Amino acid sequence: MIHWTRQIKEVLSSQDTFESSENSGPLEEIDFWQSRCADLSGISEQLDKPGVKRIQAILEMSKSSYVAPFLKLSKLIQDGSAQAQSNLKFLSTLKGPCRELYEAQPKDIPPMLPRILNMIRFIWINSEHYKSRERLTSLLRKVWELILYLRYGIFRC
């Protein structure tokens, strides 16, 4: 259980590393949530296996001090998995338009912007996890930096 707890903590901390990343674009953010969704869903499935449940029950009966932190982290995994699935569902709507942006000539970019901004507005209004100012600002910044790079060759890397 100690080993599982350490692994879960490591996986949960990887989100903070990505969210502080300054040089990722909208497609990288979508890829991150896709990977995160797969990772957390896989861990969640493992935690629901009978063997894990049996060990948990035995440690609960013996009043092990490791059970409470493990249960707390298990709940974080479930919540994180639900968040990743939701974020992936909403951000995936940007995948096609952002790929089109990557392939567009600079002169073709301005007519594409209203559609992309409307999709971001849709995400902002409907997504439970992209309602925060920080997340929305980060998403808009990533799209804006992509546009600057494609249109003018300006990039902060």
Protein backbone atom coordinates (compact mmCIF):
# COMPACT_ATOMS: atom_id res chain seq x y z
CA MET A 1 0.00 0.00 0.00
CA ILE A 2 2.96 2.31 0.68
CA HIS A 3 4.25 1.62 -2.83
CA TRP A 4 0.83 2.38 -4.38
CA THR A 5 0.54 5.58 -2.37
CA ARG A 6 3.92 6.81 -3.65
CA GLN A 7 3.01 5.98 -7.24
CA ILE A 8 -0.36 7.74 -6.97
CA LYS A 9 1.30 10.86 -5.53
CA GLU A 10 3.76 10.89 -8.42
CA VAL A 11 1.00 10.64 -11.03
CA LEU A 12 -1.08 13.33 -9.37
CA SER A 13 1.87 15.73 -9.21
CA SER A 14 2.49 15.40 -12.98
CA GLN A 15 -0.53 17.64 -13.68
CA ASP A 16 1.09 20.53 -11.82
CA THR A 17 4.23 20.13 -13.92
CA PHE A 18 2.27 20.36 -17.18
CA GLU A 19 0.06 23.26 -16.06
CA SER A 20 3.13 25.34 -15.23
CA SER A 21 4.59 24.61 -18.68
CA GLU A 22 4.85 27.83 -20.66
CA ASN A 23 5.78 26.39 -24.05
CA SER A 24 2.89 24.11 -24.83
CA GLY A 25 0.24 24.84 -27.40
CA PRO A 26 -3.44 23.89 -27.54
CA LEU A 27 -2.73 20.55 -29.25
CA GLU A 28 -0.18 19.68 -26.57
CA GLU A 29 -2.78 20.48 -23.93
CA ILE A 30 -5.25 18.14 -25.61
CA ASP A 31 -2.56 15.44 -25.80
CA PHE A 32 -1.80 15.97 -22.11
CA TRP A 33 -5.44 15.45 -21.09
CA GLN A 34 -5.71 12.41 -23.36
CA SER A 35 -2.66 10.86 -21.72
CA ARG A 36 -3.84 11.89 -18.26
CA CYS A 37 -7.24 10.35 -18.91
CA ALA A 38 -5.64 7.05 -19.90
CA ASP A 39 -3.25 7.06 -16.94
CA LEU A 40 -5.85 7.88 -14.30
CA SER A 41 -8.45 5.53 -15.74
CA GLY A 42 -5.87 2.74 -15.71
CA ILE A 43 -4.93 3.42 -12.10
CA SER A 44 -8.59 3.67 -11.11
CA GLU A 45 -9.26 0.26 -12.68
CA GLN A 46 -6.30 -1.23 -10.83
CA LEU A 47 -7.53 0.17 -7.52
CA ASP A 48 -10.91 -1.50 -8.10
CA LYS A 49 -9.39 -4.97 -8.56
CA PRO A 50 -10.42 -7.59 -5.98
CA GLY A 51 -6.83 -8.13 -4.81
CA VAL A 52 -6.36 -4.46 -3.98
CA LYS A 53 -9.74 -4.33 -2.25
CA ARG A 54 -8.82 -7.41 -0.22
CA ILE A 55 -5.51 -5.92 0.95
CA GLN A 56 -7.32 -2.68 1.78
CA ALA A 57 -9.92 -4.58 3.85
CA ILE A 58 -7.25 -6.50 5.75
CA LEU A 59 -5.36 -3.28 6.55
CA GLU A 60 -8.59 -1.59 7.61
CA MET A 61 -9.35 -4.47 10.02
CA SER A 62 -5.84 -4.16 11.46
CA LYS A 63 -6.38 -0.39 11.80
CA SER A 64 -3.32 0.39 9.67
CA SER A 65 -2.33 4.04 9.52
CA TYR A 66 -1.66 3.66 5.79
CA VAL A 67 -5.31 3.14 4.87
CA ALA A 68 -6.59 6.72 5.36
CA PRO A 69 -3.93 8.36 3.13
CA PHE A 70 -4.45 5.63 0.53
CA LEU A 71 -8.23 6.17 0.51
CA LYS A 72 -7.74 9.92 0.21
CA LEU A 73 -5.43 9.47 -2.77
CA SER A 74 -7.80 6.92 -4.32
CA LYS A 75 -10.55 9.53 -4.17
CA LEU A 76 -8.21 12.06 -5.80
CA ILE A 77 -7.55 9.54 -8.59
CA GLN A 78 -11.29 9.09 -9.18
CA ASP A 79 -11.87 12.86 -9.17
CA GLY A 80 -8.86 13.44 -11.41
CA SER A 81 -10.06 10.80 -13.84
CA ALA A 82 -13.47 12.45 -14.08
CA GLN A 83 -11.81 15.85 -14.60
CA ALA A 84 -9.48 14.50 -17.29
CA GLN A 85 -12.40 12.89 -19.15
CA SER A 86 -14.38 16.13 -18.99
CA ASN A 87 -11.44 18.28 -20.10
CA LEU A 88 -10.66 15.92 -22.95
CA LYS A 89 -14.26 15.93 -24.11
CA PHE A 90 -14.40 19.72 -24.31
CA LEU A 91 -10.87 20.42 -25.53
CA SER A 92 -11.18 17.84 -28.29
CA THR A 93 -13.53 20.25 -30.05
CA LEU A 94 -10.47 22.45 -30.68
CA LYS A 95 -8.34 19.70 -32.19
CA GLY A 96 -9.54 20.03 -35.78
CA PRO A 97 -9.52 23.83 -35.92
CA CYS A 98 -6.06 24.01 -34.31
CA ARG A 99 -4.69 21.48 -36.80
CA GLU A 100 -6.18 23.60 -39.58
CA LEU A 101 -4.38 26.60 -38.06
CA TYR A 102 -1.06 24.74 -38.14
CA GLU A 103 -1.56 24.04 -41.84
CA ALA A 104 -2.93 27.48 -42.78
CA GLN A 105 -1.12 30.20 -44.64
CA PRO A 106 -0.82 33.45 -42.66
CA LYS A 107 -3.40 35.15 -44.89
CA ASP A 108 -5.94 32.38 -44.12
CA ILE A 109 -5.72 32.70 -40.32
CA PRO A 110 -8.00 35.72 -39.62
CA PRO A 111 -11.20 34.09 -40.98
CA MET A 112 -10.52 31.03 -38.80
CA LEU A 113 -10.44 32.98 -35.55
CA PRO A 114 -14.19 33.50 -34.93
CA ARG A 115 -14.82 29.75 -35.04
CA ILE A 116 -11.97 29.03 -32.63
CA LEU A 117 -13.03 31.79 -30.24
CA ASN A 118 -16.62 30.51 -30.31
CA MET A 119 -15.34 27.03 -29.41
CA ILE A 120 -13.31 28.45 -26.53
CA ARG A 121 -16.41 30.33 -25.37
CA PHE A 122 -18.37 27.05 -25.56
CA ILE A 123 -15.71 25.37 -23.42
CA TRP A 124 -15.75 28.25 -20.92
CA ILE A 125 -19.53 28.17 -20.55
CA ASN A 126 -20.01 24.40 -20.45
CA SER A 127 -16.88 22.87 -18.96
CA GLU A 128 -16.86 22.50 -15.21
CA HIS A 129 -13.06 22.68 -15.07
CA TYR A 130 -12.35 25.46 -17.60
CA LYS A 131 -14.53 28.05 -15.86
CA SER A 132 -11.61 29.42 -13.87
CA ARG A 133 -9.90 32.57 -15.06
CA GLU A 134 -6.51 30.87 -14.92
CA ARG A 135 -7.45 27.89 -17.10
CA LEU A 136 -9.32 30.01 -19.64
CA THR A 137 -6.53 32.58 -19.81
CA SER A 138 -3.98 29.80 -20.28
CA LEU A 139 -5.99 28.28 -23.13
CA LEU A 140 -6.47 31.64 -24.86
CA ARG A 141 -2.76 32.43 -24.42
CA LYS A 142 -1.79 29.12 -26.01
CA VAL A 143 -4.01 29.74 -29.01
CA TRP A 144 -2.80 33.35 -29.31
CA GLU A 145 0.87 32.30 -29.17
CA LEU A 146 0.19 29.67 -31.83
CA ILE A 147 -1.35 32.35 -34.05
CA LEU A 148 1.57 34.73 -33.49
CA TYR A 149 4.00 31.99 -34.34
CA LEU A 150 2.17 30.93 -37.48
CA ARG A 151 1.44 34.44 -38.67
CA TYR A 152 4.63 36.30 -37.74
CA GLY A 153 7.15 33.67 -36.69
CA ILE A 154 7.11 35.09 -33.14
CA PHE A 155 7.44 32.49 -30.41
CA ARG A 156 8.56 32.68 -26.79
CA CYS A 157 10.73 29.53 -26.87
